[in-house]
Amino acid sequence: MGPSALRIAGLAERLARLDLTVVDKGDLPTPIPETEKEHDDRKKYVRAIEKVCTKVYQTALESLVEGAMPLLLGGDHSLGAGSVGAASAWAKQTSDKPIGLLWVDAHGDMNTPATTTSGNVHGMPLAALLGKEPAELARIGGMSPKVQPAHVVLIGVRNLDEREKVAVRDSHVHVFTMKDIDRQGIASIAEQAVKLAGAGTAGIHVSLDMDVCDPAIAPGVGTPVKGGLDYREAHTLMEIIADSGLITSLDIVEVNPTLDVRNQTAQLGAELALSALGMKIL
């Protein structure tokens, strides 16, 4: 339902007004939980998620090879295991360089089946991109790890499980919490993040979880956390990323219309995609 909400928000039409050629490749088939078995309560529905993320990987990689910029809409943030994997494979094929990654999220998404308290796989995609677990996601595309800690930046983090805090620290990725943003300002953080993710890489994949924004402006997310980015902070971040000219691909995820108010979160997601892809105020 998340992609449909973003379409209803006029995303394609608004992108076309930026003189961009927009091709909507449609929705990828996704099973519903009622038709699937969990198999393992430490990584619920992981086999079904692996199949979807493999299709995401294939579709995004095809777009990159064609010279397009994949814009992936969701839905669950576990799709990042496929989209970032595709950007990483494309970077290696075309330049033999790594891909930079900006993971913009209230959460770290670095749990594993061994550390999770919920078993929800949407809390694990970054762990799979950086390491070996969950193995079903880590092995997508046949290359692991997909990203290197030196080129990964988390932005907007404010809600980590206790064991996940240890994993994030031990991973040596760069982390800018909301406290850092409060102290330094979003412009400074964005510029530092782009520099870190862009140095020595083939470009930057941006994975934007809408729960990085405060629930006051983005209520339609599955795991809202108070104290997130406000409207201008979110747009400033995307605008500075656009100004860098380094963005290769983009995820807009965790849009849940059943929790939204008058499609407010999808509308904001569409606006942020426009800012990330170069919409200018003047």
C-alpha atoms as a PDB file:
ATOM      1  CA  MET A   1       0.000   0.000   0.000  1.00  0.00           C
ATOM      2  CA  GLY A   2       2.944   2.354   0.534  1.00  0.00           C
ATOM      3  CA  PRO A   3       3.853   2.648  -3.168  1.00  0.00           C
ATOM      4  CA  SER A   4       0.211   3.289  -4.044  1.00  0.00           C
ATOM      5  CA  ALA A   5       0.040   6.122  -1.517  1.00  0.00           C
ATOM      6  CA  LEU A   6       3.149   7.734  -3.002  1.00  0.00           C
ATOM      7  CA  ARG A   7       1.670   7.457  -6.484  1.00  0.00           C
ATOM      8  CA  ILE A   8      -1.570   9.029  -5.268  1.00  0.00           C
ATOM      9  CA  ALA A   9       0.577  11.872  -3.907  1.00  0.00           C
ATOM     10  CA  GLY A  10       1.531  12.588  -7.525  1.00  0.00           C
ATOM     11  CA  LEU A  11       5.172  11.557  -7.298  1.00  0.00           C
ATOM     12  CA  ALA A  12       5.656  10.621 -10.970  1.00  0.00           C
ATOM     13  CA  GLU A  13       3.881  13.691 -12.304  1.00  0.00           C
ATOM     14  CA  ARG A  14       5.812  16.000 -10.021  1.00  0.00           C
ATOM     15  CA  LEU A  15       9.128  14.413 -10.993  1.00  0.00           C
ATOM     16  CA  ALA A  16       8.238  14.847 -14.667  1.00  0.00           C
ATOM     17  CA  ARG A  17       7.887  18.594 -14.043  1.00  0.00           C
ATOM     18  CA  LEU A  18      11.597  18.602 -13.155  1.00  0.00           C
ATOM     19  CA  ASP A  19      12.236  17.606 -16.803  1.00  0.00           C
ATOM     20  CA  LEU A  20      13.025  14.065 -15.697  1.00  0.00           C
ATOM     21  CA  THR A  21      11.936  11.081 -17.758  1.00  0.00           C
ATOM     22  CA  VAL A  22       9.927   8.876 -15.401  1.00  0.00           C
ATOM     23  CA  VAL A  23       9.235   5.193 -16.028  1.00  0.00           C
ATOM     24  CA  ASP A  24       7.013   3.430 -13.488  1.00  0.00           C
ATOM     25  CA  LYS A  25       7.976  -0.241 -13.476  1.00  0.00           C
ATOM     26  CA  GLY A  26       5.004  -1.103 -11.299  1.00  0.00           C
ATOM     27  CA  ASP A  27       4.745  -3.057  -8.089  1.00  0.00           C
ATOM     28  CA  LEU A  28       6.760  -6.178  -7.391  1.00  0.00           C
ATOM     29  CA  PRO A  29       4.649  -9.156  -6.276  1.00  0.00           C
ATOM     30  CA  THR A  30       4.644  -9.360  -2.491  1.00  0.00           C
ATOM     31  CA  PRO A  31       2.958 -12.103  -0.474  1.00  0.00           C
ATOM     32  CA  ILE A  32       0.820 -11.215   2.521  1.00  0.00           C
ATOM     33  CA  PRO A  33       1.564 -12.680   5.962  1.00  0.00           C
ATOM     34  CA  GLU A  34      -1.683 -14.643   6.065  1.00  0.00           C
ATOM     35  CA  THR A  35      -0.466 -16.800   3.171  1.00  0.00           C
ATOM     36  CA  GLU A  36       3.012 -17.421   4.560  1.00  0.00           C
ATOM     37  CA  LYS A  37       4.627 -19.309   7.427  1.00  0.00           C
ATOM     38  CA  GLU A  38       7.025 -17.527   9.773  1.00  0.00           C
ATOM     39  CA  HIS A  39       9.393 -20.563   9.840  1.00  0.00           C
ATOM     40  CA  ASP A  40      11.673 -18.874  12.384  1.00  0.00           C
ATOM     41  CA  ASP A  41      10.421 -16.434  15.008  1.00  0.00           C
ATOM     42  CA  ARG A  42      13.922 -14.889  15.175  1.00  0.00           C
ATOM     43  CA  LYS A  43      13.574 -13.705  11.551  1.00  0.00           C
ATOM     44  CA  LYS A  44       9.910 -13.778  10.697  1.00  0.00           C
ATOM     45  CA  TYR A  45       8.914 -14.461   7.074  1.00  0.00           C
ATOM     46  CA  VAL A  46      12.560 -14.166   6.029  1.00  0.00           C
ATOM     47  CA  ARG A  47      12.225 -16.611   3.111  1.00  0.00           C
ATOM     48  CA  ALA A  48       9.399 -14.606   1.561  1.00  0.00           C
ATOM     49  CA  ILE A  49      11.284 -11.362   2.226  1.00  0.00           C
ATOM     50  CA  GLU A  50      14.390 -12.812   0.580  1.00  0.00           C
ATOM     51  CA  LYS A  51      12.403 -13.552  -2.591  1.00  0.00           C
ATOM     52  CA  VAL A  52      11.007 -10.027  -2.741  1.00  0.00           C
ATOM     53  CA  CYS A  53      14.388  -8.418  -2.027  1.00  0.00           C
ATOM     54  CA  THR A  54      16.016 -10.548  -4.729  1.00  0.00           C
ATOM     55  CA  LYS A  55      13.494  -9.177  -7.210  1.00  0.00           C
ATOM     56  CA  VAL A  56      14.177  -5.664  -5.920  1.00  0.00           C
ATOM     57  CA  TYR A  57      17.896  -6.289  -6.445  1.00  0.00           C
ATOM     58  CA  GLN A  58      17.390  -7.515 -10.023  1.00  0.00           C
ATOM     59  CA  THR A  59      15.020  -4.708 -10.998  1.00  0.00           C
ATOM     60  CA  ALA A  60      17.131  -1.936  -9.481  1.00  0.00           C
ATOM     61  CA  LEU A  61      20.328  -3.289 -11.032  1.00  0.00           C
ATOM     62  CA  GLU A  62      18.667  -3.417 -14.461  1.00  0.00           C
ATOM     63  CA  SER A  63      17.692   0.236 -14.091  1.00  0.00           C
ATOM     64  CA  LEU A  64      21.201   1.273 -13.078  1.00  0.00           C
ATOM     65  CA  VAL A  65      22.746  -0.620 -15.994  1.00  0.00           C
ATOM     66  CA  GLU A  66      20.285   1.137 -18.318  1.00  0.00           C
ATOM     67  CA  GLY A  67      21.594   4.481 -17.065  1.00  0.00           C
ATOM     68  CA  ALA A  68      18.550   5.281 -14.941  1.00  0.00           C
ATOM     69  CA  MET A  69      18.284   6.217 -11.276  1.00  0.00           C
ATOM     70  CA  PRO A  70      16.185   3.689  -9.352  1.00  0.00           C
ATOM     71  CA  LEU A  71      13.645   5.230  -6.997  1.00  0.00           C
ATOM     72  CA  LEU A  72      12.278   2.439  -4.811  1.00  0.00           C
ATOM     73  CA  LEU A  73       9.041   2.897  -2.937  1.00  0.00           C
ATOM     74  CA  GLY A  74       7.890   1.024   0.165  1.00  0.00           C
ATOM     75  CA  GLY A  75       6.728  -0.434   2.341  1.00  0.00           C
ATOM     76  CA  ASP A  76       9.051  -2.261   4.582  1.00  0.00           C
ATOM     77  CA  HIS A  77      12.649  -1.077   4.981  1.00  0.00           C
ATOM     78  CA  SER A  78      13.882  -4.631   4.492  1.00  0.00           C
ATOM     79  CA  LEU A  79      13.784  -3.841   0.746  1.00  0.00           C
ATOM     80  CA  GLY A  80      17.048  -1.961   1.352  1.00  0.00           C
ATOM     81  CA  ALA A  81      18.803  -5.330   1.319  1.00  0.00           C
ATOM     82  CA  GLY A  82      17.945  -5.498  -2.377  1.00  0.00           C
ATOM     83  CA  SER A  83      18.215  -1.851  -3.424  1.00  0.00           C
ATOM     84  CA  VAL A  84      21.556  -1.132  -1.735  1.00  0.00           C
ATOM     85  CA  GLY A  85      22.864  -4.483  -2.940  1.00  0.00           C
ATOM     86  CA  ALA A  86      22.035  -3.471  -6.514  1.00  0.00           C
ATOM     87  CA  ALA A  87      23.790  -0.113  -6.133  1.00  0.00           C
ATOM     88  CA  SER A  88      26.834  -1.884  -4.710  1.00  0.00           C
ATOM     89  CA  ALA A  89      26.955  -4.400  -7.570  1.00  0.00           C
ATOM     90  CA  TRP A  90      26.566  -1.640 -10.164  1.00  0.00           C
ATOM     91  CA  ALA A  91      29.349   0.418  -8.563  1.00  0.00           C
ATOM     92  CA  LYS A  92      31.726  -2.535  -8.615  1.00  0.00           C
ATOM     93  CA  GLN A  93      30.856  -3.432 -12.220  1.00  0.00           C
ATOM     94  CA  THR A  94      31.196   0.074 -13.621  1.00  0.00           C
ATOM     95  CA  SER A  95      33.997   1.633 -11.572  1.00  0.00           C
ATOM     96  CA  ASP A  96      35.394  -1.055  -9.271  1.00  0.00           C
ATOM     97  CA  LYS A  97      34.628   1.322  -6.419  1.00  0.00           C
ATOM     98  CA  PRO A  98      32.413   0.833  -3.361  1.00  0.00           C
ATOM     99  CA  ILE A  99      29.022   2.502  -2.990  1.00  0.00           C
ATOM    100  CA  GLY A 100      28.427   5.105  -0.302  1.00  0.00           C
ATOM    101  CA  LEU A 101      25.293   4.776   1.820  1.00  0.00           C
ATOM    102  CA  LEU A 102      23.237   7.307   3.743  1.00  0.00           C
ATOM    103  CA  TRP A 103      20.817   5.393   5.982  1.00  0.00           C
ATOM    104  CA  VAL A 104      18.363   8.059   7.151  1.00  0.00           C
ATOM    105  CA  ASP A 105      16.312   6.476   9.905  1.00  0.00           C
ATOM    106  CA  ALA A 106      15.176   6.758  13.512  1.00  0.00           C
ATOM    107  CA  HIS A 107      16.460   3.211  13.981  1.00  0.00           C
ATOM    108  CA  GLY A 108      19.770   1.488  13.331  1.00  0.00           C
ATOM    109  CA  ASP A 109      18.307  -1.539  11.511  1.00  0.00           C
ATOM    110  CA  MET A 110      21.400  -3.454  12.641  1.00  0.00           C
ATOM    111  CA  ASN A 111      19.804  -6.211  14.656  1.00  0.00           C
ATOM    112  CA  THR A 112      20.457  -9.835  13.733  1.00  0.00           C
ATOM    113  CA  PRO A 113      18.473 -12.974  14.521  1.00  0.00           C
ATOM    114  CA  ALA A 114      20.745 -13.353  17.565  1.00  0.00           C
ATOM    115  CA  THR A 115      20.025  -9.869  18.979  1.00  0.00           C
ATOM    116  CA  THR A 116      16.475  -9.070  17.901  1.00  0.00           C
ATOM    117  CA  THR A 117      13.733  -8.748  20.504  1.00  0.00           C
ATOM    118  CA  SER A 118      10.884  -8.810  17.974  1.00  0.00           C
ATOM    119  CA  GLY A 119      12.039 -11.046  15.128  1.00  0.00           C
ATOM    120  CA  ASN A 120      10.995  -8.376  12.634  1.00  0.00           C
ATOM    121  CA  VAL A 121      13.291  -8.432   9.620  1.00  0.00           C
ATOM    122  CA  HIS A 122      12.790  -4.728   8.933  1.00  0.00           C
ATOM    123  CA  GLY A 123      15.142  -4.213  11.881  1.00  0.00           C
ATOM    124  CA  MET A 124      17.934  -6.162  10.159  1.00  0.00           C
ATOM    125  CA  PRO A 125      18.660  -4.945   6.598  1.00  0.00           C
ATOM    126  CA  LEU A 126      21.680  -2.798   7.438  1.00  0.00           C
ATOM    127  CA  ALA A 127      23.184  -5.669   9.408  1.00  0.00           C
ATOM    128  CA  ALA A 128      22.794  -7.872   6.325  1.00  0.00           C
ATOM    129  CA  LEU A 129      24.405  -5.240   4.083  1.00  0.00           C
ATOM    130  CA  LEU A 130      27.391  -4.879   6.431  1.00  0.00           C
ATOM    131  CA  GLY A 131      27.789  -8.505   7.459  1.00  0.00           C
ATOM    132  CA  LYS A 132      26.554 -12.069   7.304  1.00  0.00           C
ATOM    133  CA  GLU A 133      23.222 -12.111   9.119  1.00  0.00           C
ATOM    134  CA  PRO A 134      20.459 -12.688   8.415  1.00  0.00           C
ATOM    135  CA  ALA A 135      22.133 -14.924   5.834  1.00  0.00           C
ATOM    136  CA  GLU A 136      19.084 -14.977   3.568  1.00  0.00           C
ATOM    137  CA  LEU A 137      19.440 -11.234   2.945  1.00  0.00           C
ATOM    138  CA  ALA A 138      23.233 -11.053   3.121  1.00  0.00           C
ATOM    139  CA  ARG A 139      23.633 -13.533   0.248  1.00  0.00           C
ATOM    140  CA  ILE A 140      21.413 -11.659  -2.224  1.00  0.00           C
ATOM    141  CA  GLY A 141      23.409 -10.946  -5.379  1.00  0.00           C
ATOM    142  CA  GLY A 142      26.191 -13.295  -4.341  1.00  0.00           C
ATOM    143  CA  MET A 143      28.406 -10.567  -2.866  1.00  0.00           C
ATOM    144  CA  SER A 144      28.855  -9.935   0.841  1.00  0.00           C
ATOM    145  CA  PRO A 145      29.326  -7.534   2.471  1.00  0.00           C
ATOM    146  CA  LYS A 146      27.578  -5.035   0.210  1.00  0.00           C
ATOM    147  CA  VAL A 147      28.918  -1.897   1.929  1.00  0.00           C
ATOM    148  CA  GLN A 148      31.955  -0.940   4.003  1.00  0.00           C
ATOM    149  CA  PRO A 149      31.568   0.824   7.384  1.00  0.00           C
ATOM    150  CA  ALA A 150      33.833   3.697   6.302  1.00  0.00           C
ATOM    151  CA  HIS A 151      31.300   4.633   3.613  1.00  0.00           C
ATOM    152  CA  VAL A 152      28.105   4.178   5.660  1.00  0.00           C
ATOM    153  CA  VAL A 153      26.456   7.041   7.548  1.00  0.00           C
ATOM    154  CA  LEU A 154      23.401   6.777   9.797  1.00  0.00           C
ATOM    155  CA  ILE A 155      21.446  10.020  10.170  1.00  0.00           C
ATOM    156  CA  GLY A 156      18.636  10.834  12.598  1.00  0.00           C
ATOM    157  CA  VAL A 157      19.063   7.808  14.867  1.00  0.00           C
ATOM    158  CA  ARG A 158      17.247   8.076  18.194  1.00  0.00           C
ATOM    159  CA  ASN A 159      15.859   4.634  19.077  1.00  0.00           C
ATOM    160  CA  LEU A 160      18.254   1.684  19.396  1.00  0.00           C
ATOM    161  CA  ASP A 161      17.830  -1.582  21.288  1.00  0.00           C
ATOM    162  CA  GLU A 162      20.466  -2.078  23.996  1.00  0.00           C
ATOM    163  CA  ARG A 163      22.208  -4.935  22.151  1.00  0.00           C
ATOM    164  CA  GLU A 164      21.897  -3.019  18.888  1.00  0.00           C
ATOM    165  CA  LYS A 165      23.807  -0.102  20.412  1.00  0.00           C
ATOM    166  CA  VAL A 166      26.749  -2.445  20.885  1.00  0.00           C
ATOM    167  CA  ALA A 167      26.456  -3.669  17.289  1.00  0.00           C
ATOM    168  CA  VAL A 168      26.388  -0.130  15.920  1.00  0.00           C
ATOM    169  CA  ARG A 169      29.436   0.902  17.954  1.00  0.00           C
ATOM    170  CA  ASP A 170      31.337  -2.245  17.011  1.00  0.00           C
ATOM    171  CA  SER A 171      30.518  -1.816  13.311  1.00  0.00           C
ATOM    172  CA  HIS A 172      32.468   1.491  13.071  1.00  0.00           C
ATOM    173  CA  VAL A 173      29.878   3.078  10.770  1.00  0.00           C
ATOM    174  CA  HIS A 174      29.465   6.834  11.098  1.00  0.00           C
ATOM    175  CA  VAL A 175      26.471   7.860  13.203  1.00  0.00           C
ATOM    176  CA  PHE A 176      24.761  11.238  13.558  1.00  0.00           C
ATOM    177  CA  THR A 177      22.026  11.063  16.176  1.00  0.00           C
ATOM    178  CA  MET A 178      19.255  13.599  16.671  1.00  0.00           C
ATOM    179  CA  LYS A 179      21.333  14.967  19.530  1.00  0.00           C
ATOM    180  CA  ASP A 180      24.146  15.660  17.055  1.00  0.00           C
ATOM    181  CA  ILE A 181      21.683  17.373  14.730  1.00  0.00           C
ATOM    182  CA  ASP A 182      20.377  19.511  17.615  1.00  0.00           C
ATOM    183  CA  ARG A 183      23.910  20.552  18.551  1.00  0.00           C
ATOM    184  CA  GLN A 184      25.458  21.099  15.126  1.00  0.00           C
ATOM    185  CA  GLY A 185      22.503  21.861  12.873  1.00  0.00           C
ATOM    186  CA  ILE A 186      21.205  19.807   9.983  1.00  0.00           C
ATOM    187  CA  ALA A 187      23.214  21.620   7.303  1.00  0.00           C
ATOM    188  CA  SER A 188      26.536  20.815   8.963  1.00  0.00           C
ATOM    189  CA  ILE A 189      25.520  17.195   9.566  1.00  0.00           C
ATOM    190  CA  ALA A 190      24.341  16.767   5.975  1.00  0.00           C
ATOM    191  CA  GLU A 191      27.555  18.171   4.554  1.00  0.00           C
ATOM    192  CA  GLN A 192      29.689  15.920   6.789  1.00  0.00           C
ATOM    193  CA  ALA A 193      27.569  12.879   5.888  1.00  0.00           C
ATOM    194  CA  VAL A 194      27.846  13.476   2.147  1.00  0.00           C
ATOM    195  CA  LYS A 195      31.604  13.924   2.447  1.00  0.00           C
ATOM    196  CA  LEU A 196      31.993  10.688   4.414  1.00  0.00           C
ATOM    197  CA  ALA A 197      29.754   8.596   2.150  1.00  0.00           C
ATOM    198  CA  GLY A 198      31.062  10.134  -1.061  1.00  0.00           C
ATOM    199  CA  ALA A 199      34.821   9.972  -0.458  1.00  0.00           C
ATOM    200  CA  GLY A 200      36.372   7.369  -2.742  1.00  0.00           C
ATOM    201  CA  THR A 201      33.039   5.860  -3.768  1.00  0.00           C
ATOM    202  CA  ALA A 202      31.119   5.535  -7.029  1.00  0.00           C
ATOM    203  CA  GLY A 203      28.305   7.633  -5.567  1.00  0.00           C
ATOM    204  CA  ILE A 204      25.763   7.559  -2.780  1.00  0.00           C
ATOM    205  CA  HIS A 205      22.651   5.465  -2.297  1.00  0.00           C
ATOM    206  CA  VAL A 206      20.145   7.212  -0.029  1.00  0.00           C
ATOM    207  CA  SER A 207      17.777   5.020   1.980  1.00  0.00           C
ATOM    208  CA  LEU A 208      15.159   7.257   3.594  1.00  0.00           C
ATOM    209  CA  ASP A 209      12.901   5.744   6.241  1.00  0.00           C
ATOM    210  CA  MET A 210      10.013   8.145   6.804  1.00  0.00           C
ATOM    211  CA  ASP A 211      10.138   7.506  10.545  1.00  0.00           C
ATOM    212  CA  VAL A 212      13.266   9.676  10.682  1.00  0.00           C
ATOM    213  CA  CYS A 213      10.789  12.554  10.549  1.00  0.00           C
ATOM    214  CA  ASP A 214       8.856  13.564  13.632  1.00  0.00           C
ATOM    215  CA  PRO A 215       5.430  11.878  13.891  1.00  0.00           C
ATOM    216  CA  ALA A 216       3.883  15.341  13.857  1.00  0.00           C
ATOM    217  CA  ILE A 217       4.699  15.583  10.140  1.00  0.00           C
ATOM    218  CA  ALA A 218       4.914  11.856   9.297  1.00  0.00           C
ATOM    219  CA  PRO A 219       2.314   9.935  11.314  1.00  0.00           C
ATOM    220  CA  GLY A 220       1.896   7.104   8.800  1.00  0.00           C
ATOM    221  CA  VAL A 221       4.826   4.907   9.816  1.00  0.00           C
ATOM    222  CA  GLY A 222       4.917   1.585  11.635  1.00  0.00           C
ATOM    223  CA  THR A 223       7.390   2.544  14.361  1.00  0.00           C
ATOM    224  CA  PRO A 224       7.073   6.283  15.079  1.00  0.00           C
ATOM    225  CA  VAL A 225       9.532   7.890  17.493  1.00  0.00           C
ATOM    226  CA  LYS A 226       9.074  11.408  18.873  1.00  0.00           C
ATOM    227  CA  GLY A 227      11.791  13.982  18.394  1.00  0.00           C
ATOM    228  CA  GLY A 228      12.590  13.458  14.725  1.00  0.00           C
ATOM    229  CA  LEU A 229      13.458  15.773  11.862  1.00  0.00           C
ATOM    230  CA  ASP A 230      11.074  18.647  11.325  1.00  0.00           C
ATOM    231  CA  TYR A 231       9.838  19.687   7.885  1.00  0.00           C
ATOM    232  CA  ARG A 232      12.655  22.058   6.981  1.00  0.00           C
ATOM    233  CA  GLU A 233      15.381  19.844   8.436  1.00  0.00           C
ATOM    234  CA  ALA A 234      14.213  16.925   6.298  1.00  0.00           C
ATOM    235  CA  HIS A 235      14.134  19.042   3.155  1.00  0.00           C
ATOM    236  CA  THR A 236      17.482  20.691   3.892  1.00  0.00           C
ATOM    237  CA  LEU A 237      19.072  17.258   4.225  1.00  0.00           C
ATOM    238  CA  MET A 238      17.672  16.136   0.873  1.00  0.00           C
ATOM    239  CA  GLU A 239      18.597  19.422  -0.815  1.00  0.00           C
ATOM    240  CA  ILE A 240      22.225  19.199   0.322  1.00  0.00           C
ATOM    241  CA  ILE A 241      22.376  15.603  -0.911  1.00  0.00           C
ATOM    242  CA  ALA A 242      21.034  16.786  -4.270  1.00  0.00           C
ATOM    243  CA  ASP A 243      23.580  19.610  -4.411  1.00  0.00           C
ATOM    244  CA  SER A 244      26.401  17.083  -4.048  1.00  0.00           C
ATOM    245  CA  GLY A 245      25.536  15.488  -7.397  1.00  0.00           C
ATOM    246  CA  LEU A 246      26.530  12.097  -5.947  1.00  0.00           C
ATOM    247  CA  ILE A 247      23.173  10.371  -5.507  1.00  0.00           C
ATOM    248  CA  THR A 248      22.854   7.200  -7.585  1.00  0.00           C
ATOM    249  CA  SER A 249      19.659   5.699  -6.210  1.00  0.00           C
ATOM    250  CA  LEU A 250      16.998   6.399  -3.614  1.00  0.00           C
ATOM    251  CA  ASP A 251      14.603   4.520  -1.327  1.00  0.00           C
ATOM    252  CA  ILE A 252      11.495   6.115   0.179  1.00  0.00           C
ATOM    253  CA  VAL A 253      10.213   3.528   2.649  1.00  0.00           C
ATOM    254  CA  GLU A 254       8.037   2.724   5.664  1.00  0.00           C
ATOM    255  CA  VAL A 255       4.974   4.549   4.333  1.00  0.00           C
ATOM    256  CA  ASN A 256       1.952   2.868   5.943  1.00  0.00           C
ATOM    257  CA  PRO A 257      -1.338   4.397   4.722  1.00  0.00           C
ATOM    258  CA  THR A 258      -3.381   2.522   7.319  1.00  0.00           C
ATOM    259  CA  LEU A 259      -1.701   4.632  10.004  1.00  0.00           C
ATOM    260  CA  ASP A 260      -1.568   7.888   8.056  1.00  0.00           C
ATOM    261  CA  VAL A 261      -3.696  11.015   8.219  1.00  0.00           C
ATOM    262  CA  ARG A 262      -5.037  12.199   4.828  1.00  0.00           C
ATOM    263  CA  ASN A 263      -1.987  10.714   3.060  1.00  0.00           C
ATOM    264  CA  GLN A 264       0.240  13.224   4.879  1.00  0.00           C
ATOM    265  CA  THR A 265       3.265  10.923   5.135  1.00  0.00           C
ATOM    266  CA  ALA A 266       3.158   9.911   1.476  1.00  0.00           C
ATOM    267  CA  GLN A 267       2.811  13.554   0.465  1.00  0.00           C
ATOM    268  CA  LEU A 268       5.904  14.387   2.504  1.00  0.00           C
ATOM    269  CA  GLY A 269       7.768  11.399   1.061  1.00  0.00           C
ATOM    270  CA  ALA A 270       7.014  12.618  -2.458  1.00  0.00           C
ATOM    271  CA  GLU A 271       8.207  16.115  -1.576  1.00  0.00           C
ATOM    272  CA  LEU A 272      11.441  14.788  -0.088  1.00  0.00           C
ATOM    273  CA  ALA A 273      12.087  12.706  -3.208  1.00  0.00           C
ATOM    274  CA  LEU A 274      11.690  15.876  -5.268  1.00  0.00           C
ATOM    275  CA  SER A 275      14.210  17.706  -3.075  1.00  0.00           C
ATOM    276  CA  ALA A 276      16.664  14.809  -3.292  1.00  0.00           C
ATOM    277  CA  LEU A 277      16.394  14.766  -7.088  1.00  0.00           C
ATOM    278  CA  GLY A 278      17.040  18.450  -7.578  1.00  0.00           C
ATOM    279  CA  MET A 279      13.928  20.563  -7.175  1.00  0.00           C
ATOM    280  CA  LYS A 280      15.125  24.139  -6.631  1.00  0.00           C
ATOM    281  CA  ILE A 281      13.466  26.862  -4.589  1.00  0.00           C
ATOM    282  CA  LEU A 282      14.784  29.474  -7.056  1.00  0.00           C
END
